[in-house]
Amino acid sequence: MSVKNDKSGFLQRLQTKWKLNSLLQVILVLLVFACTGFTILFIKNPILDFFGVEKGGFVNTVLYLLLVLPLYQIFLLIYGFIFGQFNFFWEKEKDFFRRIGRMFSKKK
């Protein structure tokens, strides 16, 4: 097998899994994930430093979960809009919040 076939196979598997129309759309979605992660990498420490907490401590982890993770979700939507993939990420966000809601709903 050649490397090119492995890469295109990977992209095709993502296309099928995510139910996307083209390989270009898969690449755009991956680009959105990359830009979002890169942005969070740069804003995470200033946000946590603002609160003056120790790195790696319990408070740091709690602040990360309460502040940075929601920002990640917002940046996914912003970059999704910029790269024309807003609908894809909006559906993923709705699924994400449905799953969280199910965790807190009463089971009958």
PDB file of N, CA and C in Angstrom:
ATOM      1  N   MET A   1       0.829  -1.191   0.000  1.00  0.00           N
ATOM      2  CA  MET A   1       0.000   0.000   0.000  1.00  0.00           C
ATOM      3  C   MET A   1       0.868   1.247   0.000  1.00  0.00           C
ATOM      4  N   SER A   2       0.463   2.219  -0.735  1.00  0.00           N
ATOM      5  CA  SER A   2       1.219   3.465  -0.746  1.00  0.00           C
ATOM      6  C   SER A   2       0.691   4.402   0.334  1.00  0.00           C
ATOM      7  N   VAL A   3       1.526   5.359   0.684  1.00  0.00           N
ATOM      8  CA  VAL A   3       1.150   6.324   1.711  1.00  0.00           C
ATOM      9  C   VAL A   3      -0.045   7.149   1.238  1.00  0.00           C
ATOM     10  N   LYS A   4      -0.072   7.481  -0.033  1.00  0.00           N
ATOM     11  CA  LYS A   4      -1.164   8.291  -0.571  1.00  0.00           C
ATOM     12  C   LYS A   4      -2.501   7.563  -0.387  1.00  0.00           C
ATOM     13  N   ASN A   5      -2.555   6.282  -0.658  1.00  0.00           N
ATOM     14  CA  ASN A   5      -3.788   5.517  -0.495  1.00  0.00           C
ATOM     15  C   ASN A   5      -4.221   5.466   0.966  1.00  0.00           C
ATOM     16  N   ASP A   6      -3.248   5.354   1.882  1.00  0.00           N
ATOM     17  CA  ASP A   6      -3.580   5.339   3.305  1.00  0.00           C
ATOM     18  C   ASP A   6      -4.207   6.658   3.731  1.00  0.00           C
ATOM     19  N   LYS A   7      -3.636   7.769   3.265  1.00  0.00           N
ATOM     20  CA  LYS A   7      -4.156   9.086   3.643  1.00  0.00           C
ATOM     21  C   LYS A   7      -5.535   9.311   3.056  1.00  0.00           C
ATOM     22  N   SER A   8      -5.716   9.000   1.801  1.00  0.00           N
ATOM     23  CA  SER A   8      -7.035   9.219   1.213  1.00  0.00           C
ATOM     24  C   SER A   8      -8.052   8.269   1.832  1.00  0.00           C
ATOM     25  N   GLY A   9      -7.614   7.082   2.228  1.00  0.00           N
ATOM     26  CA  GLY A   9      -8.514   6.157   2.902  1.00  0.00           C
ATOM     27  C   GLY A   9      -8.957   6.708   4.241  1.00  0.00           C
ATOM     28  N   PHE A  10      -8.028   7.339   4.951  1.00  0.00           N
ATOM     29  CA  PHE A  10      -8.344   7.965   6.234  1.00  0.00           C
ATOM     30  C   PHE A  10      -9.371   9.073   6.042  1.00  0.00           C
ATOM     31  N   LEU A  11      -9.133   9.931   5.059  1.00  0.00           N
ATOM     32  CA  LEU A  11     -10.063  11.030   4.789  1.00  0.00           C
ATOM     33  C   LEU A  11     -11.428  10.504   4.348  1.00  0.00           C
ATOM     34  N   GLN A  12     -11.434   9.442   3.556  1.00  0.00           N
ATOM     35  CA  GLN A  12     -12.712   8.857   3.125  1.00  0.00           C
ATOM     36  C   GLN A  12     -13.464   8.247   4.299  1.00  0.00           C
ATOM     37  N   ARG A  13     -12.734   7.638   5.224  1.00  0.00           N
ATOM     38  CA  ARG A  13     -13.397   7.094   6.427  1.00  0.00           C
ATOM     39  C   ARG A  13     -14.017   8.214   7.256  1.00  0.00           C
ATOM     40  N   LEU A  14     -13.298   9.333   7.384  1.00  0.00           N
ATOM     41  CA  LEU A  14     -13.862  10.480   8.097  1.00  0.00           C
ATOM     42  C   LEU A  14     -15.079  11.033   7.360  1.00  0.00           C
ATOM     43  N   GLN A  15     -14.992  11.088   6.045  1.00  0.00           N
ATOM     44  CA  GLN A  15     -16.121  11.576   5.242  1.00  0.00           C
ATOM     45  C   GLN A  15     -17.361  10.723   5.498  1.00  0.00           C
ATOM     46  N   THR A  16     -17.183   9.412   5.539  1.00  0.00           N
ATOM     47  CA  THR A  16     -18.298   8.503   5.789  1.00  0.00           C
ATOM     48  C   THR A  16     -18.805   8.649   7.220  1.00  0.00           C
ATOM     49  N   LYS A  17     -17.889   8.664   8.171  1.00  0.00           N
ATOM     50  CA  LYS A  17     -18.270   8.757   9.585  1.00  0.00           C
ATOM     51  C   LYS A  17     -19.015  10.051   9.871  1.00  0.00           C
ATOM     52  N   TRP A  18     -18.542  11.154   9.326  1.00  0.00           N
ATOM     53  CA  TRP A  18     -19.141  12.456   9.591  1.00  0.00           C
ATOM     54  C   TRP A  18     -20.263  12.792   8.615  1.00  0.00           C
ATOM     55  N   LYS A  19     -20.519  11.900   7.644  1.00  0.00           N
ATOM     56  CA  LYS A  19     -21.577  12.097   6.636  1.00  0.00           C
ATOM     57  C   LYS A  19     -21.399  13.427   5.884  1.00  0.00           C
ATOM     58  N   LEU A  20     -20.182  13.634   5.383  1.00  0.00           N
ATOM     59  CA  LEU A  20     -19.859  14.841   4.631  1.00  0.00           C
ATOM     60  C   LEU A  20     -19.929  14.548   3.138  1.00  0.00           C
ATOM     61  N   ASN A  21     -20.102  15.587   2.346  1.00  0.00           N
ATOM     62  CA  ASN A  21     -20.309  15.433   0.908  1.00  0.00           C
ATOM     63  C   ASN A  21     -19.035  15.273   0.094  1.00  0.00           C
ATOM     64  N   SER A  22     -17.919  15.794   0.592  1.00  0.00           N
ATOM     65  CA  SER A  22     -16.698  15.753  -0.214  1.00  0.00           C
ATOM     66  C   SER A  22     -15.469  15.680   0.686  1.00  0.00           C
ATOM     67  N   LEU A  23     -14.363  15.310   0.068  1.00  0.00           N
ATOM     68  CA  LEU A  23     -13.093  15.294   0.796  1.00  0.00           C
ATOM     69  C   LEU A  23     -12.658  16.711   1.153  1.00  0.00           C
ATOM     70  N   LEU A  24     -13.013  17.683   0.320  1.00  0.00           N
ATOM     71  CA  LEU A  24     -12.708  19.078   0.639  1.00  0.00           C
ATOM     72  C   LEU A  24     -13.390  19.479   1.940  1.00  0.00           C
ATOM     73  N   GLN A  25     -14.626  19.050   2.125  1.00  0.00           N
ATOM     74  CA  GLN A  25     -15.347  19.364   3.353  1.00  0.00           C
ATOM     75  C   GLN A  25     -14.664  18.721   4.564  1.00  0.00           C
ATOM     76  N   VAL A  26     -14.151  17.504   4.398  1.00  0.00           N
ATOM     77  CA  VAL A  26     -13.413  16.835   5.478  1.00  0.00           C
ATOM     78  C   VAL A  26     -12.183  17.664   5.837  1.00  0.00           C
ATOM     79  N   ILE A  27     -11.464  18.124   4.836  1.00  0.00           N
ATOM     80  CA  ILE A  27     -10.262  18.926   5.071  1.00  0.00           C
ATOM     81  C   ILE A  27     -10.615  20.229   5.770  1.00  0.00           C
ATOM     82  N   LEU A  28     -11.720  20.858   5.371  1.00  0.00           N
ATOM     83  CA  LEU A  28     -12.150  22.097   6.024  1.00  0.00           C
ATOM     84  C   LEU A  28     -12.514  21.856   7.488  1.00  0.00           C
ATOM     85  N   VAL A  29     -13.184  20.742   7.774  1.00  0.00           N
ATOM     86  CA  VAL A  29     -13.538  20.405   9.159  1.00  0.00           C
ATOM     87  C   VAL A  29     -12.264  20.186   9.973  1.00  0.00           C
ATOM     88  N   LEU A  30     -11.303  19.476   9.422  1.00  0.00           N
ATOM     89  CA  LEU A  30     -10.032  19.270  10.124  1.00  0.00           C
ATOM     90  C   LEU A  30      -9.301  20.589  10.342  1.00  0.00           C
ATOM     91  N   LEU A  31      -9.397  21.488   9.375  1.00  0.00           N
ATOM     92  CA  LEU A  31      -8.791  22.811   9.506  1.00  0.00           C
ATOM     93  C   LEU A  31      -9.450  23.601  10.636  1.00  0.00           C
ATOM     94  N   VAL A  32     -10.766  23.480  10.762  1.00  0.00           N
ATOM     95  CA  VAL A  32     -11.483  24.142  11.862  1.00  0.00           C
ATOM     96  C   VAL A  32     -10.984  23.607  13.207  1.00  0.00           C
ATOM     97  N   PHE A  33     -10.856  22.276  13.330  1.00  0.00           N
ATOM     98  CA  PHE A  33     -10.344  21.692  14.570  1.00  0.00           C
ATOM     99  C   PHE A  33      -8.935  22.200  14.865  1.00  0.00           C
ATOM    100  N   ALA A  34      -8.098  22.290  13.842  1.00  0.00           N
ATOM    101  CA  ALA A  34      -6.719  22.748  14.031  1.00  0.00           C
ATOM    102  C   ALA A  34      -6.681  24.202  14.487  1.00  0.00           C
ATOM    103  N   CYS A  35      -7.440  25.060  13.841  1.00  0.00           N
ATOM    104  CA  CYS A  35      -7.462  26.483  14.211  1.00  0.00           C
ATOM    105  C   CYS A  35      -8.015  26.678  15.614  1.00  0.00           C
ATOM    106  N   THR A  36      -9.044  25.918  15.964  1.00  0.00           N
ATOM    107  CA  THR A  36      -9.632  26.022  17.300  1.00  0.00           C
ATOM    108  C   THR A  36      -8.623  25.592  18.360  1.00  0.00           C
ATOM    109  N   GLY A  37      -7.974  24.478  18.145  1.00  0.00           N
ATOM    110  CA  GLY A  37      -6.982  24.005  19.104  1.00  0.00           C
ATOM    111  C   GLY A  37      -5.833  24.978  19.257  1.00  0.00           C
ATOM    112  N   PHE A  38      -5.390  25.542  18.132  1.00  0.00           N
ATOM    113  CA  PHE A  38      -4.291  26.500  18.151  1.00  0.00           C
ATOM    114  C   PHE A  38      -4.690  27.752  18.929  1.00  0.00           C
ATOM    115  N   THR A  39      -5.911  28.209  18.735  1.00  0.00           N
ATOM    116  CA  THR A  39      -6.404  29.391  19.442  1.00  0.00           C
ATOM    117  C   THR A  39      -6.475  29.132  20.945  1.00  0.00           C
ATOM    118  N   ILE A  40      -7.010  27.987  21.327  1.00  0.00           N
ATOM    119  CA  ILE A  40      -7.120  27.641  22.745  1.00  0.00           C
ATOM    120  C   ILE A  40      -5.734  27.524  23.372  1.00  0.00           C
ATOM    121  N   LEU A  41      -4.789  26.997  22.615  1.00  0.00           N
ATOM    122  CA  LEU A  41      -3.416  26.894  23.105  1.00  0.00           C
ATOM    123  C   LEU A  41      -2.893  28.262  23.535  1.00  0.00           C
ATOM    124  N   PHE A  42      -3.219  29.304  22.768  1.00  0.00           N
ATOM    125  CA  PHE A  42      -2.721  30.641  23.072  1.00  0.00           C
ATOM    126  C   PHE A  42      -3.522  31.371  24.145  1.00  0.00           C
ATOM    127  N   ILE A  43      -4.804  31.086  24.284  1.00  0.00           N
ATOM    128  CA  ILE A  43      -5.596  31.849  25.255  1.00  0.00           C
ATOM    129  C   ILE A  43      -5.760  31.148  26.601  1.00  0.00           C
ATOM    130  N   LYS A  44      -5.466  29.858  26.660  1.00  0.00           N
ATOM    131  CA  LYS A  44      -5.666  29.100  27.900  1.00  0.00           C
ATOM    132  C   LYS A  44      -4.839  29.666  29.051  1.00  0.00           C
ATOM    133  N   ASN A  45      -3.545  29.797  28.873  1.00  0.00           N
ATOM    134  CA  ASN A  45      -2.679  30.254  29.963  1.00  0.00           C
ATOM    135  C   ASN A  45      -2.990  31.675  30.418  1.00  0.00           C
ATOM    136  N   PRO A  46      -3.199  32.636  29.514  1.00  0.00           N
ATOM    137  CA  PRO A  46      -3.568  33.977  29.999  1.00  0.00           C
ATOM    138  C   PRO A  46      -4.876  33.979  30.803  1.00  0.00           C
ATOM    139  N   ILE A  47      -5.832  33.170  30.392  1.00  0.00           N
ATOM    140  CA  ILE A  47      -7.089  33.105  31.138  1.00  0.00           C
ATOM    141  C   ILE A  47      -6.838  32.536  32.530  1.00  0.00           C
ATOM    142  N   LEU A  48      -6.120  31.430  32.604  1.00  0.00           N
ATOM    143  CA  LEU A  48      -5.852  30.810  33.903  1.00  0.00           C
ATOM    144  C   LEU A  48      -4.916  31.668  34.762  1.00  0.00           C
ATOM    145  N   ASP A  49      -3.953  32.337  34.131  1.00  0.00           N
ATOM    146  CA  ASP A  49      -3.052  33.232  34.876  1.00  0.00           C
ATOM    147  C   ASP A  49      -3.808  34.423  35.462  1.00  0.00           C
ATOM    148  N   PHE A  50      -4.829  34.884  34.771  1.00  0.00           N
ATOM    149  CA  PHE A  50      -5.644  36.001  35.248  1.00  0.00           C
ATOM    150  C   PHE A  50      -6.206  35.704  36.640  1.00  0.00           C
ATOM    151  N   PHE A  51      -6.557  34.440  36.878  1.00  0.00           N
ATOM    152  CA  PHE A  51      -7.113  34.055  38.169  1.00  0.00           C
ATOM    153  C   PHE A  51      -6.021  33.702  39.191  1.00  0.00           C
ATOM    154  N   GLY A  52      -4.770  33.694  38.768  1.00  0.00           N
ATOM    155  CA  GLY A  52      -3.646  33.499  39.670  1.00  0.00           C
ATOM    156  C   GLY A  52      -3.610  32.152  40.370  1.00  0.00           C
ATOM    157  N   VAL A  53      -4.017  31.114  39.668  1.00  0.00           N
ATOM    158  CA  VAL A  53      -4.001  29.795  40.293  1.00  0.00           C
ATOM    159  C   VAL A  53      -2.742  29.039  39.895  1.00  0.00           C
ATOM    160  N   GLU A  54      -2.374  28.064  40.745  1.00  0.00           N
ATOM    161  CA  GLU A  54      -1.216  27.230  40.485  1.00  0.00           C
ATOM    162  C   GLU A  54      -1.456  26.315  39.295  1.00  0.00           C
ATOM    163  N   LYS A  55      -0.450  26.184  38.468  1.00  0.00           N
ATOM    164  CA  LYS A  55      -0.587  25.273  37.327  1.00  0.00           C
ATOM    165  C   LYS A  55      -0.631  23.836  37.821  1.00  0.00           C
ATOM    166  N   GLY A  56      -1.566  23.056  37.274  1.00  0.00           N
ATOM    167  CA  GLY A  56      -1.663  21.654  37.628  1.00  0.00           C
ATOM    168  C   GLY A  56      -2.459  21.371  38.884  1.00  0.00           C
ATOM    169  N   GLY A  57      -2.909  22.406  39.574  1.00  0.00           N
ATOM    170  CA  GLY A  57      -3.673  22.199  40.793  1.00  0.00           C
ATOM    171  C   GLY A  57      -5.142  21.928  40.513  1.00  0.00           C
ATOM    172  N   PHE A  58      -5.863  21.635  41.569  1.00  0.00           N
ATOM    173  CA  PHE A  58      -7.292  21.333  41.466  1.00  0.00           C
ATOM    174  C   PHE A  58      -8.076  22.538  40.941  1.00  0.00           C
ATOM    175  N   VAL A  59      -7.772  23.721  41.481  1.00  0.00           N
ATOM    176  CA  VAL A  59      -8.477  24.931  41.054  1.00  0.00           C
ATOM    177  C   VAL A  59      -8.213  25.201  39.577  1.00  0.00           C
ATOM    178  N   ASN A  60      -6.988  24.970  39.136  1.00  0.00           N
ATOM    179  CA  ASN A  60      -6.628  25.137  37.729  1.00  0.00           C
ATOM    180  C   ASN A  60      -7.498  24.237  36.857  1.00  0.00           C
ATOM    181  N   THR A  61      -7.669  22.994  37.261  1.00  0.00           N
ATOM    182  CA  THR A  61      -8.474  22.047  36.494  1.00  0.00           C
ATOM    183  C   THR A  61      -9.933  22.477  36.448  1.00  0.00           C
ATOM    184  N   VAL A  62     -10.458  22.914  37.582  1.00  0.00           N
ATOM    185  CA  VAL A  62     -11.859  23.349  37.634  1.00  0.00           C
ATOM    186  C   VAL A  62     -12.070  24.572  36.741  1.00  0.00           C
ATOM    187  N   LEU A  63     -11.174  25.555  36.836  1.00  0.00           N
ATOM    188  CA  LEU A  63     -11.290  26.742  35.984  1.00  0.00           C
ATOM    189  C   LEU A  63     -11.178  26.381  34.509  1.00  0.00           C
ATOM    190  N   TYR A  64     -10.287  25.451  34.205  1.00  0.00           N
ATOM    191  CA  TYR A  64     -10.146  24.998  32.820  1.00  0.00           C
ATOM    192  C   TYR A  64     -11.478  24.431  32.320  1.00  0.00           C
ATOM    193  N   LEU A  65     -12.082  23.571  33.124  1.00  0.00           N
ATOM    194  CA  LEU A  65     -13.345  22.947  32.716  1.00  0.00           C
ATOM    195  C   LEU A  65     -14.471  23.973  32.605  1.00  0.00           C
ATOM    196  N   LEU A  66     -14.492  24.955  33.492  1.00  0.00           N
ATOM    197  CA  LEU A  66     -15.579  25.931  33.500  1.00  0.00           C
ATOM    198  C   LEU A  66     -15.405  27.052  32.481  1.00  0.00           C
ATOM    199  N   LEU A  67     -14.160  27.414  32.172  1.00  0.00           N
ATOM    200  CA  LEU A  67     -13.921  28.565  31.298  1.00  0.00           C
ATOM    201  C   LEU A  67     -13.386  28.196  29.918  1.00  0.00           C
ATOM    202  N   VAL A  68     -12.368  27.371  29.889  1.00  0.00           N
ATOM    203  CA  VAL A  68     -11.683  27.116  28.623  1.00  0.00           C
ATOM    204  C   VAL A  68     -12.468  26.159  27.729  1.00  0.00           C
ATOM    205  N   LEU A  69     -13.021  25.096  28.285  1.00  0.00           N
ATOM    206  CA  LEU A  69     -13.776  24.157  27.447  1.00  0.00           C
ATOM    207  C   LEU A  69     -14.994  24.801  26.776  1.00  0.00           C
ATOM    208  N   PRO A  70     -15.771  25.632  27.489  1.00  0.00           N
ATOM    209  CA  PRO A  70     -16.855  26.325  26.770  1.00  0.00           C
ATOM    210  C   PRO A  70     -16.335  27.251  25.666  1.00  0.00           C
ATOM    211  N   LEU A  71     -15.183  27.894  25.911  1.00  0.00           N
ATOM    212  CA  LEU A  71     -14.591  28.734  24.863  1.00  0.00           C
ATOM    213  C   LEU A  71     -14.209  27.901  23.642  1.00  0.00           C
ATOM    214  N   TYR A  72     -13.735  26.690  23.887  1.00  0.00           N
ATOM    215  CA  TYR A  72     -13.404  25.788  22.778  1.00  0.00           C
ATOM    216  C   TYR A  72     -14.639  25.551  21.908  1.00  0.00           C
ATOM    217  N   GLN A  73     -15.769  25.294  22.548  1.00  0.00           N
ATOM    218  CA  GLN A  73     -17.009  25.049  21.806  1.00  0.00           C
ATOM    219  C   GLN A  73     -17.413  26.284  20.992  1.00  0.00           C
ATOM    220  N   ILE A  74     -17.250  27.451  21.589  1.00  0.00           N
ATOM    221  CA  ILE A  74     -17.596  28.695  20.891  1.00  0.00           C
ATOM    222  C   ILE A  74     -16.668  28.920  19.702  1.00  0.00           C
ATOM    223  N   PHE A  75     -15.373  28.694  19.918  1.00  0.00           N
ATOM    224  CA  PHE A  75     -14.429  28.877  18.815  1.00  0.00           C
ATOM    225  C   PHE A  75     -14.662  27.867  17.689  1.00  0.00           C
ATOM    226  N   LEU A  76     -15.107  26.658  18.022  1.00  0.00           N
ATOM    227  CA  LEU A  76     -15.466  25.703  16.966  1.00  0.00           C
ATOM    228  C   LEU A  76     -16.540  26.297  16.059  1.00  0.00           C
ATOM    229  N   LEU A  77     -17.547  26.910  16.659  1.00  0.00           N
ATOM    230  CA  LEU A  77     -18.624  27.510  15.866  1.00  0.00           C
ATOM    231  C   LEU A  77     -18.127  28.715  15.071  1.00  0.00           C
ATOM    232  N   ILE A  78     -17.275  29.534  15.681  1.00  0.00           N
ATOM    233  CA  ILE A  78     -16.750  30.714  14.975  1.00  0.00           C
ATOM    234  C   ILE A  78     -15.922  30.295  13.769  1.00  0.00           C
ATOM    235  N   TYR A  79     -14.970  29.390  13.984  1.00  0.00           N
ATOM    236  CA  TYR A  79     -14.143  28.936  12.865  1.00  0.00           C
ATOM    237  C   TYR A  79     -14.979  28.121  11.874  1.00  0.00           C
ATOM    238  N   GLY A  80     -15.948  27.385  12.366  1.00  0.00           N
ATOM    239  CA  GLY A  80     -16.848  26.664  11.466  1.00  0.00           C
ATOM    240  C   GLY A  80     -17.556  27.622  10.538  1.00  0.00           C
ATOM    241  N   PHE A  81     -17.989  28.748  11.072  1.00  0.00           N
ATOM    242  CA  PHE A  81     -18.639  29.771  10.245  1.00  0.00           C
ATOM    243  C   PHE A  81     -17.653  30.352   9.228  1.00  0.00           C
ATOM    244  N   ILE A  82     -16.456  30.680   9.692  1.00  0.00           N
ATOM    245  CA  ILE A  82     -15.441  31.272   8.806  1.00  0.00           C
ATOM    246  C   ILE A  82     -15.115  30.345   7.641  1.00  0.00           C
ATOM    247  N   PHE A  83     -15.020  29.041   7.911  1.00  0.00           N
ATOM    248  CA  PHE A  83     -14.650  28.081   6.870  1.00  0.00           C
ATOM    249  C   PHE A  83     -15.860  27.426   6.198  1.00  0.00           C
ATOM    250  N   GLY A  84     -17.053  27.971   6.444  1.00  0.00           N
ATOM    251  CA  GLY A  84     -18.242  27.473   5.770  1.00  0.00           C
ATOM    252  C   GLY A  84     -18.749  26.130   6.268  1.00  0.00           C
ATOM    253  N   GLN A  85     -18.396  25.769   7.476  1.00  0.00           N
ATOM    254  CA  GLN A  85     -18.798  24.469   8.036  1.00  0.00           C
ATOM    255  C   GLN A  85     -19.641  24.636   9.304  1.00  0.00           C
ATOM    256  N   PHE A  86     -20.306  25.774   9.432  1.00  0.00           N
ATOM    257  CA  PHE A  86     -21.074  26.063  10.640  1.00  0.00           C
ATOM    258  C   PHE A  86     -22.135  25.002  10.901  1.00  0.00           C
ATOM    259  N   ASN A  87     -22.869  24.611   9.874  1.00  0.00           N
ATOM    260  CA  ASN A  87     -23.943  23.629  10.075  1.00  0.00           C
ATOM    261  C   ASN A  87     -23.417  22.311  10.635  1.00  0.00           C
ATOM    262  N   PHE A  88     -22.291  21.851  10.145  1.00  0.00           N
ATOM    263  CA  PHE A  88     -21.683  20.619  10.657  1.00  0.00           C
ATOM    264  C   PHE A  88     -21.403  20.748  12.147  1.00  0.00           C
ATOM    265  N   PHE A  89     -20.749  21.842  12.539  1.00  0.00           N
ATOM    266  CA  PHE A  89     -20.369  22.010  13.941  1.00  0.00           C
ATOM    267  C   PHE A  89     -21.578  22.336  14.818  1.00  0.00           C
ATOM    268  N   TRP A  90     -22.567  23.031  14.288  1.00  0.00           N
ATOM    269  CA  TRP A  90     -23.773  23.314  15.054  1.00  0.00           C
ATOM    270  C   TRP A  90     -24.500  22.011  15.393  1.00  0.00           C
ATOM    271  N   GLU A  91     -24.570  21.087  14.445  1.00  0.00           N
ATOM    272  CA  GLU A  91     -25.192  19.783  14.712  1.00  0.00           C
ATOM    273  C   GLU A  91     -24.402  19.007  15.754  1.00  0.00           C
ATOM    274  N   LYS A  92     -23.079  19.062  15.670  1.00  0.00           N
ATOM    275  CA  LYS A  92     -22.232  18.379  16.658  1.00  0.00           C
ATOM    276  C   LYS A  92     -22.426  18.981  18.048  1.00  0.00           C
ATOM    277  N   GLU A  93     -22.545  20.308  18.118  1.00  0.00           N
ATOM    278  CA  GLU A  93     -22.777  20.973  19.406  1.00  0.00           C
ATOM    279  C   GLU A  93     -24.117  20.546  20.002  1.00  0.00           C
ATOM    280  N   LYS A  94     -25.139  20.494  19.181  1.00  0.00           N
ATOM    281  CA  LYS A  94     -26.457  20.073  19.682  1.00  0.00           C
ATOM    282  C   LYS A  94     -26.405  18.644  20.194  1.00  0.00           C
ATOM    283  N   ASP A  95     -25.715  17.760  19.476  1.00  0.00           N
ATOM    284  CA  ASP A  95     -25.555  16.376  19.946  1.00  0.00           C
ATOM    285  C   ASP A  95     -24.805  16.340  21.280  1.00  0.00           C
ATOM    286  N   PHE A  96     -23.765  17.141  21.383  1.00  0.00           N
ATOM    287  CA  PHE A  96     -22.964  17.208  22.599  1.00  0.00           C
ATOM    288  C   PHE A  96     -23.830  17.604  23.801  1.00  0.00           C
ATOM    289  N   PHE A  97     -24.651  18.642  23.644  1.00  0.00           N
ATOM    290  CA  PHE A  97     -25.481  19.102  24.748  1.00  0.00           C
ATOM    291  C   PHE A  97     -26.630  18.140  25.037  1.00  0.00           C
ATOM    292  N   ARG A  98     -27.107  17.436  24.026  1.00  0.00           N
ATOM    293  CA  ARG A  98     -28.123  16.403  24.281  1.00  0.00           C
ATOM    294  C   ARG A  98     -27.543  15.295  25.152  1.00  0.00           C
ATOM    295  N   ARG A  99     -26.320  14.871  24.844  1.00  0.00           N
ATOM    296  CA  ARG A  99     -25.676  13.829  25.639  1.00  0.00           C
ATOM    297  C   ARG A  99     -25.445  14.284  27.082  1.00  0.00           C
ATOM    298  N   ILE A 100     -25.037  15.526  27.248  1.00  0.00           N
ATOM    299  CA  ILE A 100     -24.842  16.063  28.606  1.00  0.00           C
ATOM    300  C   ILE A 100     -26.187  16.122  29.330  1.00  0.00           C
ATOM    301  N   GLY A 101     -27.208  16.557  28.626  1.00  0.00           N
ATOM    302  CA  GLY A 101     -28.534  16.618  29.229  1.00  0.00           C
ATOM    303  C   GLY A 101     -29.025  15.258  29.681  1.00  0.00           C
ATOM    304  N   ARG A 102     -28.742  14.233  28.890  1.00  0.00           N
ATOM    305  CA  ARG A 102     -29.153  12.880  29.265  1.00  0.00           C
ATOM    306  C   ARG A 102     -28.450  12.400  30.530  1.00  0.00           C
ATOM    307  N   MET A 103     -27.224  12.853  30.754  1.00  0.00           N
ATOM    308  CA  MET A 103     -26.504  12.462  31.959  1.00  0.00           C
ATOM    309  C   MET A 103     -27.193  12.994  33.217  1.00  0.00           C
ATOM    310  N   PHE A 104     -27.812  14.156  33.093  1.00  0.00           N
ATOM    311  CA  PHE A 104     -28.432  14.786  34.252  1.00  0.00           C
ATOM    312  C   PHE A 104     -29.937  14.577  34.331  1.00  0.00           C
ATOM    313  N   SER A 105     -30.515  13.961  33.329  1.00  0.00           N
ATOM    314  CA  SER A 105     -31.963  13.727  33.367  1.00  0.00           C
ATOM    315  C   SER A 105     -32.263  12.502  34.220  1.00  0.00           C
ATOM    316  N   LYS A 106     -33.456  12.502  34.758  1.00  0.00           N
ATOM    317  CA  LYS A 106     -33.855  11.369  35.606  1.00  0.00           C
ATOM    318  C   LYS A 106     -34.201  10.179  34.736  1.00  0.00           C
ATOM    319  N   LYS A 107     -33.704   9.045  35.129  1.00  0.00           N
ATOM    320  CA  LYS A 107     -33.999   7.803  34.421  1.00  0.00           C
ATOM    321  C   LYS A 107     -35.286   7.224  35.004  1.00  0.00           C
ATOM    322  N   LYS A 108     -36.195   6.804  34.126  1.00  0.00           N
ATOM    323  CA  LYS A 108     -37.454   6.223  34.607  1.00  0.00           C
ATOM    324  C   LYS A 108     -37.505   4.763  34.316  1.00  0.00           C
TER     325      LYS A 108
END
